[in-house]
Each structure stands twice: as C-alpha cells, then as structure tokens.
C-alpha cells in the first residue's frame, strides 16, 4: 500500500516554505531564495522519480521519459495527467496543466495600487511565480534521475493554468 500525504498539508508546506525563504531567510535576496526553493524541489523530484521508476526498465529516449512525467509521474503527484504536451523535436518540451492544483487558490491582483511604479509585474504575480520554483525543481530532479539534464521554467498567463518549459541540455 502506498503512502500518501494530505493535499492540504503539501499546499501549506509549499506556502510556508516560500514565505520563509522569501521573507525571513533571504528577504533581501529573492534570486537566492528562488534557487533554494528550486533546489528543494529538485531533491523531492529526484527521490520521487527513483521511487516511481523502481520497477520499470530505463527509458530509451527523451520523449519516452517526458511522456512518463506527463502521465504517470504527474498522476501520482496531482491525481491527473498533464493536459497538453508540445515539442519542437529539438529538445524543448512544453507541459501544459490547465488547472495546476497548487495555483487553484491563488489570484493575481491587477489593481493599480498593487502594480509597481516602473510598470513591471505586480507583487502578487511575483509571489505566485516564486511558488512555481518548487514544481520546476521537482520536474528537473525527476528528469535528472532519469538521465536527462535539463532546465525547467514556468509560465503563468491565466491562473490556474500553468506551462512548464523543459529544455534538454545537450
């Protein structure tokens, strides 16, 4: 029987981790906070990938491994598959989740008082993007464990939809 953790516990842990790293540990260094959050996600993804692929043969190519992430791995984490997978067949993959569970309770406040004076993204959008370093790390760690070095970034254009861009390193 598999061990599971309550979804609300994981969401609370993610919120507290982002808050702690951004407001206490690295309050004046948001880039360092983001790297640390991503590193924690990397470790989690690496270990989960090890657990979920224990009984499987190694994947023969990148596309097969990415499909595993989109179907089996994502289903274990979020109880659903990735909604859309796109590739340019040159090492770039876009994983689209139209209702990313960790973003369903977040919103972006687009009011003028919450937007910075130089016109850049507002504070809520910055905080939301910090929450995506952890799942980016999870994807990177899982793929690294499968022998695929890559860089992962996230894009949120319409909450709670989220796109993860995976770029395979040559």
N, C-alpha and C. Protein backbone atom coordinates (compact mmCIF):
# COMPACT_ATOMS: atom_id res chain seq x y z
N UNK A 1 0.84 -1.19 0.00
CA UNK A 1 0.00 0.00 0.00
C UNK A 1 0.88 1.24 0.00
N UNK A 2 0.60 2.16 -0.89
CA UNK A 2 1.40 3.38 -0.99
C UNK A 2 1.09 4.36 0.13
N UNK A 3 2.07 5.16 0.43
CA UNK A 3 1.87 6.19 1.44
C UNK A 3 1.50 7.49 0.76
N UNK A 4 0.52 8.18 1.32
CA UNK A 4 0.06 9.43 0.75
C UNK A 4 0.07 10.51 1.82
N UNK A 5 0.16 11.74 1.37
CA UNK A 5 0.12 12.89 2.25
C UNK A 5 -1.07 13.75 1.84
N UNK A 6 -1.76 14.29 2.79
CA UNK A 6 -2.91 15.13 2.51
C UNK A 6 -2.50 16.29 1.60
N UNK A 7 -3.33 16.55 0.61
CA UNK A 7 -3.05 17.64 -0.33
C UNK A 7 -2.96 18.99 0.38
N UNK A 8 -3.81 19.20 1.37
CA UNK A 8 -3.78 20.47 2.10
C UNK A 8 -2.48 20.63 2.88
N UNK A 9 -1.91 19.53 3.36
CA UNK A 9 -0.62 19.60 4.07
C UNK A 9 0.50 20.01 3.11
N UNK A 10 0.48 19.45 1.91
CA UNK A 10 1.51 19.79 0.92
C UNK A 10 1.38 21.25 0.51
N UNK A 11 0.16 21.72 0.29
CA UNK A 11 -0.05 23.12 -0.08
C UNK A 11 0.40 24.05 1.03
N UNK A 12 0.08 23.71 2.27
CA UNK A 12 0.51 24.53 3.41
C UNK A 12 2.03 24.55 3.53
N UNK A 13 2.65 23.39 3.32
CA UNK A 13 4.11 23.31 3.37
C UNK A 13 4.74 24.19 2.30
N UNK A 14 4.19 24.15 1.09
CA UNK A 14 4.71 24.97 -0.01
C UNK A 14 4.57 26.46 0.31
N UNK A 15 3.42 26.86 0.82
CA UNK A 15 3.19 28.26 1.17
C UNK A 15 4.17 28.71 2.25
N UNK A 16 4.34 27.90 3.27
CA UNK A 16 5.26 28.24 4.37
C UNK A 16 6.71 28.27 3.90
N UNK A 17 7.09 27.33 3.02
CA UNK A 17 8.45 27.29 2.52
C UNK A 17 8.76 28.57 1.73
N UNK A 18 7.86 28.95 0.83
CA UNK A 18 8.07 30.16 0.03
C UNK A 18 8.11 31.38 0.94
N UNK A 19 7.21 31.45 1.88
CA UNK A 19 7.17 32.57 2.83
C UNK A 19 8.46 32.66 3.64
N UNK A 20 8.91 31.53 4.16
CA UNK A 20 10.12 31.53 4.99
C UNK A 20 11.35 31.94 4.20
N UNK A 21 11.52 31.35 3.02
CA UNK A 21 12.71 31.67 2.23
C UNK A 21 12.69 33.10 1.70
N UNK A 22 11.52 33.61 1.37
CA UNK A 22 11.44 34.94 0.77
C UNK A 22 11.36 36.06 1.81
N UNK A 23 10.76 35.80 2.95
CA UNK A 23 10.56 36.86 3.95
C UNK A 23 11.51 36.80 5.12
N UNK A 24 12.07 35.65 5.42
CA UNK A 24 12.96 35.54 6.57
C UNK A 24 14.39 35.22 6.20
N UNK A 25 14.60 34.08 5.57
CA UNK A 25 15.96 33.63 5.31
C UNK A 25 16.70 34.49 4.29
N UNK A 26 16.03 34.81 3.19
CA UNK A 26 16.66 35.58 2.10
C UNK A 26 15.77 36.76 1.72
N UNK A 27 15.37 37.54 2.70
CA UNK A 27 14.43 38.64 2.46
C UNK A 27 14.96 39.64 1.43
N UNK A 28 16.25 39.88 1.42
CA UNK A 28 16.83 40.87 0.50
C UNK A 28 17.47 40.24 -0.72
N UNK A 29 17.34 38.92 -0.86
CA UNK A 29 17.96 38.21 -1.98
C UNK A 29 16.94 37.27 -2.62
N UNK A 30 15.98 37.80 -3.38
CA UNK A 30 14.94 36.94 -3.96
C UNK A 30 15.49 35.88 -4.93
N UNK A 31 16.59 36.19 -5.63
CA UNK A 31 17.16 35.20 -6.54
C UNK A 31 17.71 34.00 -5.78
N UNK A 32 18.35 34.26 -4.66
CA UNK A 32 18.88 33.19 -3.84
C UNK A 32 17.75 32.37 -3.23
N UNK A 33 16.69 33.02 -2.79
CA UNK A 33 15.52 32.32 -2.26
C UNK A 33 14.93 31.40 -3.33
N UNK A 34 14.80 31.91 -4.54
CA UNK A 34 14.25 31.12 -5.64
C UNK A 34 15.12 29.90 -5.93
N UNK A 35 16.45 30.08 -5.92
CA UNK A 35 17.36 28.95 -6.16
C UNK A 35 17.24 27.90 -5.08
N UNK A 36 17.09 28.34 -3.83
CA UNK A 36 16.97 27.38 -2.72
C UNK A 36 15.65 26.61 -2.81
N UNK A 37 14.55 27.29 -3.14
CA UNK A 37 13.26 26.63 -3.28
C UNK A 37 13.32 25.61 -4.42
N UNK A 38 13.95 25.99 -5.53
CA UNK A 38 14.08 25.08 -6.67
C UNK A 38 14.95 23.88 -6.30
N UNK A 39 15.99 24.10 -5.50
CA UNK A 39 16.88 23.01 -5.08
C UNK A 39 16.13 21.99 -4.21
N UNK A 40 15.25 22.48 -3.35
CA UNK A 40 14.44 21.57 -2.53
C UNK A 40 13.52 20.76 -3.43
N UNK A 41 12.89 21.41 -4.41
CA UNK A 41 12.05 20.70 -5.37
C UNK A 41 12.83 19.66 -6.15
N UNK A 42 14.07 20.00 -6.51
CA UNK A 42 14.95 19.07 -7.24
C UNK A 42 15.14 17.79 -6.43
N UNK A 43 15.44 17.93 -5.15
CA UNK A 43 15.65 16.76 -4.29
C UNK A 43 14.37 15.92 -4.21
N UNK A 44 13.24 16.57 -4.05
CA UNK A 44 11.96 15.87 -3.96
C UNK A 44 11.68 15.12 -5.27
N UNK A 45 11.84 15.80 -6.40
CA UNK A 45 11.60 15.18 -7.70
C UNK A 45 12.53 14.01 -7.97
N UNK A 46 13.79 14.16 -7.58
CA UNK A 46 14.78 13.11 -7.77
C UNK A 46 14.37 11.86 -6.99
N UNK A 47 13.98 12.04 -5.74
CA UNK A 47 13.60 10.90 -4.90
C UNK A 47 12.28 10.27 -5.35
N UNK A 48 11.31 11.11 -5.72
CA UNK A 48 10.04 10.55 -6.19
C UNK A 48 10.22 9.78 -7.49
N UNK A 49 11.03 10.29 -8.39
CA UNK A 49 11.30 9.61 -9.65
C UNK A 49 11.97 8.26 -9.38
N UNK A 50 12.86 8.23 -8.43
CA UNK A 50 13.52 6.97 -8.06
C UNK A 50 12.48 5.96 -7.58
N UNK A 51 11.58 6.41 -6.75
CA UNK A 51 10.54 5.52 -6.21
C UNK A 51 9.59 5.04 -7.31
N UNK A 52 9.15 5.95 -8.18
CA UNK A 52 8.13 5.61 -9.18
C UNK A 52 8.68 4.79 -10.35
N UNK A 53 10.00 4.77 -10.55
CA UNK A 53 10.57 4.02 -11.67
C UNK A 53 11.32 2.78 -11.22
N UNK A 54 11.23 2.43 -9.96
CA UNK A 54 11.96 1.29 -9.43
C UNK A 54 11.70 0.00 -10.21
N UNK A 55 10.48 -0.23 -10.58
CA UNK A 55 10.07 -1.48 -11.23
C UNK A 55 10.06 -1.38 -12.76
N UNK A 56 10.55 -0.28 -13.32
CA UNK A 56 10.47 -0.06 -14.77
C UNK A 56 11.85 -0.20 -15.42
N UNK A 57 11.86 -0.57 -16.68
CA UNK A 57 13.13 -0.51 -17.43
C UNK A 57 13.47 0.95 -17.74
N UNK A 58 14.72 1.22 -18.02
CA UNK A 58 15.15 2.57 -18.36
C UNK A 58 14.46 3.03 -19.64
N UNK A 59 14.25 4.34 -19.75
CA UNK A 59 13.61 4.89 -20.94
C UNK A 59 14.63 4.97 -22.07
N UNK A 60 14.14 4.72 -23.29
CA UNK A 60 15.05 4.67 -24.44
C UNK A 60 15.36 6.04 -25.03
N UNK A 61 14.48 7.00 -24.85
CA UNK A 61 14.75 8.34 -25.39
C UNK A 61 14.08 9.41 -24.54
N UNK A 62 14.37 10.67 -24.87
CA UNK A 62 13.84 11.81 -24.11
C UNK A 62 12.32 11.86 -24.14
N UNK A 63 11.74 11.63 -25.30
CA UNK A 63 10.29 11.73 -25.43
C UNK A 63 9.57 10.71 -24.54
N UNK A 64 10.11 9.53 -24.46
CA UNK A 64 9.52 8.50 -23.60
C UNK A 64 9.55 8.93 -22.13
N UNK A 65 10.66 9.52 -21.71
CA UNK A 65 10.79 9.99 -20.32
C UNK A 65 9.84 11.15 -20.05
N UNK A 66 9.73 12.07 -20.99
CA UNK A 66 8.81 13.20 -20.84
C UNK A 66 7.37 12.71 -20.76
N UNK A 67 7.02 11.71 -21.57
CA UNK A 67 5.67 11.15 -21.52
C UNK A 67 5.41 10.51 -20.16
N UNK A 68 6.43 9.86 -19.59
CA UNK A 68 6.29 9.30 -18.25
C UNK A 68 5.98 10.41 -17.24
N UNK A 69 6.71 11.54 -17.34
CA UNK A 69 6.47 12.67 -16.44
C UNK A 69 5.03 13.17 -16.60
N UNK A 70 4.58 13.30 -17.84
CA UNK A 70 3.25 13.84 -18.12
C UNK A 70 2.12 12.93 -17.68
N UNK A 71 2.33 11.65 -17.77
CA UNK A 71 1.25 10.70 -17.45
C UNK A 71 1.39 10.16 -16.04
N UNK A 72 2.32 9.26 -15.83
CA UNK A 72 2.43 8.52 -14.57
C UNK A 72 2.90 9.39 -13.41
N UNK A 73 3.97 10.12 -13.60
CA UNK A 73 4.55 10.94 -12.53
C UNK A 73 3.55 12.01 -12.08
N UNK A 74 2.98 12.72 -13.05
CA UNK A 74 2.03 13.80 -12.75
C UNK A 74 0.78 13.24 -12.07
N UNK A 75 0.34 12.06 -12.52
CA UNK A 75 -0.82 11.42 -11.91
C UNK A 75 -0.56 11.06 -10.45
N UNK A 76 0.63 10.61 -10.14
CA UNK A 76 0.98 10.29 -8.75
C UNK A 76 0.98 11.55 -7.88
N UNK A 77 1.47 12.65 -8.43
CA UNK A 77 1.55 13.88 -7.65
C UNK A 77 0.23 14.64 -7.56
N UNK A 78 -0.47 14.74 -8.68
CA UNK A 78 -1.63 15.64 -8.75
C UNK A 78 -2.94 14.95 -9.10
N UNK A 79 -2.94 13.63 -9.16
CA UNK A 79 -4.16 12.85 -9.43
C UNK A 79 -4.77 13.16 -10.79
N UNK A 80 -3.96 13.64 -11.73
CA UNK A 80 -4.39 13.88 -13.10
C UNK A 80 -3.16 13.96 -13.99
N UNK A 81 -3.36 13.76 -15.28
CA UNK A 81 -2.25 13.87 -16.22
C UNK A 81 -2.09 15.31 -16.68
N UNK A 82 -0.93 15.59 -17.26
CA UNK A 82 -0.72 16.89 -17.92
C UNK A 82 -1.75 17.00 -19.04
N UNK A 83 -2.31 18.19 -19.22
CA UNK A 83 -3.36 18.38 -20.22
C UNK A 83 -2.85 18.42 -21.65
N UNK A 84 -1.63 18.92 -21.85
CA UNK A 84 -1.13 19.08 -23.20
C UNK A 84 0.39 19.03 -23.19
N UNK A 85 0.96 18.33 -24.14
CA UNK A 85 2.41 18.26 -24.31
C UNK A 85 2.74 18.70 -25.72
N UNK A 86 3.64 19.65 -25.83
CA UNK A 86 4.09 20.13 -27.14
C UNK A 86 5.60 20.03 -27.18
N UNK A 87 6.15 19.83 -28.37
CA UNK A 87 7.59 19.79 -28.54
C UNK A 87 7.98 20.37 -29.89
N UNK A 88 9.20 20.85 -29.97
CA UNK A 88 9.72 21.31 -31.25
C UNK A 88 10.64 20.26 -31.86
N UNK A 89 10.73 19.09 -31.21
CA UNK A 89 11.57 17.96 -31.64
C UNK A 89 13.05 18.32 -31.69
N UNK A 90 13.43 19.37 -30.97
CA UNK A 90 14.84 19.76 -30.87
C UNK A 90 15.22 19.99 -29.41
N UNK A 91 14.56 19.28 -28.51
CA UNK A 91 14.95 19.35 -27.11
C UNK A 91 14.15 20.29 -26.24
N UNK A 92 13.08 20.87 -26.77
CA UNK A 92 12.23 21.75 -25.96
C UNK A 92 10.83 21.14 -25.89
N UNK A 93 10.33 21.03 -24.66
CA UNK A 93 9.00 20.47 -24.42
C UNK A 93 8.21 21.44 -23.56
N UNK A 94 6.93 21.60 -23.87
CA UNK A 94 6.04 22.45 -23.08
C UNK A 94 4.95 21.56 -22.50
N UNK A 95 4.90 21.51 -21.16
CA UNK A 95 3.91 20.73 -20.44
C UNK A 95 2.85 21.69 -19.93
N UNK A 96 1.62 21.54 -20.40
CA UNK A 96 0.54 22.46 -20.05
C UNK A 96 -0.42 21.79 -19.08
N UNK A 97 -0.60 22.41 -17.91
CA UNK A 97 -1.61 21.95 -16.95
C UNK A 97 -2.64 23.07 -16.85
N UNK A 98 -3.84 22.83 -17.31
CA UNK A 98 -4.87 23.87 -17.36
C UNK A 98 -5.48 24.19 -16.00
N UNK A 99 -5.24 23.32 -15.03
CA UNK A 99 -5.75 23.57 -13.68
C UNK A 99 -4.73 23.03 -12.69
N UNK A 100 -3.59 23.72 -12.60
CA UNK A 100 -2.50 23.29 -11.73
C UNK A 100 -2.94 23.43 -10.28
N UNK A 101 -2.98 22.31 -9.57
CA UNK A 101 -3.58 22.24 -8.24
C UNK A 101 -2.98 23.23 -7.25
N UNK A 102 -1.69 23.46 -7.33
CA UNK A 102 -1.05 24.35 -6.35
C UNK A 102 -1.32 25.82 -6.63
N UNK A 103 -1.96 26.12 -7.75
CA UNK A 103 -2.30 27.51 -8.08
C UNK A 103 -3.80 27.78 -8.04
N UNK A 104 -4.61 26.78 -7.76
CA UNK A 104 -6.06 26.96 -7.85
C UNK A 104 -6.60 27.95 -6.82
N UNK A 105 -5.92 28.12 -5.71
CA UNK A 105 -6.41 29.04 -4.68
C UNK A 105 -5.68 30.40 -4.71
N UNK A 106 -4.91 30.63 -5.74
CA UNK A 106 -4.20 31.91 -5.86
C UNK A 106 -4.89 32.78 -6.89
N UNK A 107 -4.72 34.09 -6.70
CA UNK A 107 -5.25 35.03 -7.68
C UNK A 107 -4.24 36.16 -7.84
N UNK A 108 -4.31 36.79 -8.99
CA UNK A 108 -3.44 37.93 -9.26
C UNK A 108 -4.26 39.20 -9.12
N UNK A 109 -3.82 40.08 -8.24
CA UNK A 109 -4.50 41.35 -8.04
C UNK A 109 -3.92 42.35 -9.03
N UNK A 110 -4.72 42.75 -9.98
CA UNK A 110 -4.24 43.67 -11.02
C UNK A 110 -4.62 45.12 -10.73
N UNK A 111 -4.97 45.42 -9.49
CA UNK A 111 -5.34 46.79 -9.15
C UNK A 111 -4.12 47.70 -9.27
N UNK A 112 -4.34 48.98 -9.62
CA UNK A 112 -3.23 49.91 -9.83
C UNK A 112 -2.34 50.08 -8.60
N UNK A 113 -2.91 50.02 -7.40
CA UNK A 113 -2.08 50.23 -6.21
C UNK A 113 -1.16 49.05 -5.92
N UNK A 114 -1.39 47.90 -6.57
CA UNK A 114 -0.55 46.74 -6.34
C UNK A 114 0.49 46.57 -7.44
N UNK A 115 0.47 47.42 -8.44
CA UNK A 115 1.44 47.37 -9.51
C UNK A 115 2.60 48.32 -9.19
N UNK A 116 3.82 47.86 -9.48
CA UNK A 116 4.97 48.70 -9.17
C UNK A 116 4.99 49.93 -10.07
N UNK A 117 5.70 50.96 -9.65
CA UNK A 117 5.67 52.23 -10.36
C UNK A 117 6.39 52.18 -11.71
N UNK A 118 7.32 51.24 -11.86
CA UNK A 118 8.01 51.16 -13.14
C UNK A 118 7.24 50.32 -14.17
N UNK A 119 6.00 49.89 -13.80
CA UNK A 119 5.15 49.18 -14.74
C UNK A 119 5.42 47.69 -14.81
N UNK A 120 6.35 47.17 -14.01
CA UNK A 120 6.61 45.74 -14.03
C UNK A 120 5.49 44.99 -13.35
N UNK A 121 5.60 43.67 -13.37
CA UNK A 121 4.52 42.86 -12.82
C UNK A 121 4.26 43.21 -11.36
N UNK A 122 3.04 42.99 -10.92
CA UNK A 122 2.67 43.36 -9.57
C UNK A 122 3.20 42.36 -8.55
N UNK A 123 3.10 42.74 -7.30
CA UNK A 123 3.64 41.94 -6.19
C UNK A 123 3.00 40.55 -6.15
N UNK A 124 1.69 40.44 -6.36
CA UNK A 124 1.01 39.14 -6.32
C UNK A 124 1.55 38.21 -7.41
N UNK A 125 1.82 38.75 -8.59
CA UNK A 125 2.38 37.93 -9.67
C UNK A 125 3.78 37.45 -9.32
N UNK A 126 4.57 38.29 -8.68
CA UNK A 126 5.91 37.89 -8.26
C UNK A 126 5.86 36.77 -7.23
N UNK A 127 4.97 36.90 -6.26
CA UNK A 127 4.83 35.88 -5.23
C UNK A 127 4.34 34.57 -5.84
N UNK A 128 3.38 34.65 -6.74
CA UNK A 128 2.87 33.45 -7.41
C UNK A 128 3.98 32.76 -8.18
N UNK A 129 4.81 33.55 -8.87
CA UNK A 129 5.90 32.93 -9.63
C UNK A 129 6.92 32.26 -8.71
N UNK A 130 7.09 32.76 -7.50
CA UNK A 130 8.00 32.11 -6.54
C UNK A 130 7.49 30.73 -6.15
N UNK A 131 6.17 30.55 -6.15
CA UNK A 131 5.60 29.24 -5.81
C UNK A 131 5.86 28.22 -6.91
N UNK A 132 6.26 28.66 -8.10
CA UNK A 132 6.49 27.74 -9.20
C UNK A 132 7.91 27.20 -9.27
N UNK A 133 8.82 27.77 -8.47
CA UNK A 133 10.19 27.25 -8.46
C UNK A 133 10.23 25.83 -7.90
N UNK A 134 9.37 25.53 -6.94
CA UNK A 134 9.34 24.19 -6.35
C UNK A 134 8.90 23.13 -7.37
N UNK A 135 7.77 23.29 -8.07
CA UNK A 135 7.42 22.27 -9.07
C UNK A 135 8.40 22.22 -10.25
N UNK A 136 9.01 23.35 -10.59
CA UNK A 136 10.06 23.32 -11.63
C UNK A 136 11.22 22.45 -11.16
N UNK A 137 11.58 22.59 -9.90
CA UNK A 137 12.64 21.76 -9.33
C UNK A 137 12.25 20.29 -9.32
N UNK A 138 10.99 20.01 -9.00
CA UNK A 138 10.52 18.63 -9.00
C UNK A 138 10.68 18.00 -10.38
N UNK A 139 10.27 18.72 -11.42
CA UNK A 139 10.39 18.20 -12.79
C UNK A 139 11.86 18.01 -13.16
N UNK A 140 12.69 19.00 -12.85
CA UNK A 140 14.12 18.91 -13.19
C UNK A 140 14.78 17.75 -12.45
N UNK A 141 14.43 17.57 -11.16
CA UNK A 141 15.00 16.47 -10.39
C UNK A 141 14.57 15.11 -10.92
N UNK A 142 13.29 15.00 -11.28
CA UNK A 142 12.80 13.73 -11.81
C UNK A 142 13.50 13.38 -13.12
N UNK A 143 13.62 14.35 -14.01
CA UNK A 143 14.28 14.10 -15.30
C UNK A 143 15.78 13.84 -15.11
N UNK A 144 16.40 14.52 -14.18
CA UNK A 144 17.81 14.28 -13.89
C UNK A 144 18.02 12.84 -13.43
N UNK A 145 17.13 12.35 -12.60
CA UNK A 145 17.22 10.97 -12.13
C UNK A 145 17.05 9.98 -13.28
N UNK A 146 16.32 10.39 -14.31
CA UNK A 146 16.13 9.55 -15.49
C UNK A 146 17.26 9.72 -16.51
N UNK A 147 18.29 10.47 -16.14
CA UNK A 147 19.44 10.65 -17.01
C UNK A 147 19.29 11.75 -18.02
N UNK A 148 18.38 12.69 -17.77
CA UNK A 148 18.13 13.78 -18.72
C UNK A 148 18.42 15.11 -18.06
N UNK A 149 19.61 15.68 -18.29
CA UNK A 149 19.89 17.01 -17.74
C UNK A 149 19.08 18.06 -18.49
N UNK A 150 18.45 18.97 -17.76
CA UNK A 150 17.59 19.95 -18.41
C UNK A 150 17.46 21.20 -17.55
N UNK A 151 16.84 22.20 -18.13
CA UNK A 151 16.45 23.41 -17.41
C UNK A 151 14.93 23.50 -17.52
N UNK A 152 14.28 23.89 -16.42
CA UNK A 152 12.82 23.96 -16.40
C UNK A 152 12.40 25.35 -15.95
N UNK A 153 11.48 25.95 -16.67
CA UNK A 153 10.91 27.24 -16.26
C UNK A 153 9.39 27.13 -16.35
N UNK A 154 8.72 28.08 -15.72
CA UNK A 154 7.25 28.05 -15.71
C UNK A 154 6.69 29.37 -16.20
N UNK A 155 5.50 29.28 -16.76
CA UNK A 155 4.82 30.47 -17.26
C UNK A 155 3.37 30.42 -16.81
N UNK A 156 2.92 31.50 -16.17
CA UNK A 156 1.52 31.60 -15.78
C UNK A 156 0.92 32.81 -16.49
N UNK A 157 0.04 32.53 -17.41
CA UNK A 157 -0.60 33.64 -18.11
C UNK A 157 -2.07 33.75 -17.72
N UNK A 158 -2.65 32.64 -17.27
CA UNK A 158 -4.07 32.63 -16.96
C UNK A 158 -4.31 31.63 -15.82
N UNK A 159 -4.29 32.11 -14.59
CA UNK A 159 -4.45 31.22 -13.44
C UNK A 159 -5.76 30.46 -13.50
N UNK A 160 -5.80 29.22 -13.09
CA UNK A 160 -4.72 28.42 -12.52
C UNK A 160 -3.94 27.63 -13.57
N UNK A 161 -4.06 27.97 -14.84
CA UNK A 161 -3.29 27.28 -15.89
C UNK A 161 -1.81 27.62 -15.75
N UNK A 162 -0.99 26.65 -16.07
CA UNK A 162 0.46 26.83 -15.94
C UNK A 162 1.16 26.00 -17.01
N UNK A 163 2.19 26.57 -17.60
CA UNK A 163 3.00 25.86 -18.58
C UNK A 163 4.42 25.70 -18.03
N UNK A 164 4.94 24.49 -18.13
CA UNK A 164 6.31 24.23 -17.73
C UNK A 164 7.12 23.98 -18.99
N UNK A 165 8.17 24.75 -19.19
CA UNK A 165 9.01 24.61 -20.38
C UNK A 165 10.27 23.86 -19.97
N UNK A 166 10.48 22.70 -20.60
CA UNK A 166 11.64 21.86 -20.33
C UNK A 166 12.58 21.97 -21.51
N UNK A 167 13.82 22.39 -21.25
CA UNK A 167 14.84 22.48 -22.30
C UNK A 167 15.94 21.49 -21.97
N UNK A 168 16.07 20.48 -22.83
CA UNK A 168 17.07 19.44 -22.63
C UNK A 168 18.44 20.02 -22.93
N UNK A 169 19.40 19.76 -22.02
CA UNK A 169 20.77 20.23 -22.24
C UNK A 169 21.50 19.23 -23.10
N UNK A 170 22.25 19.75 -24.07
CA UNK A 170 22.98 18.87 -25.00
C UNK A 170 24.19 18.24 -24.35
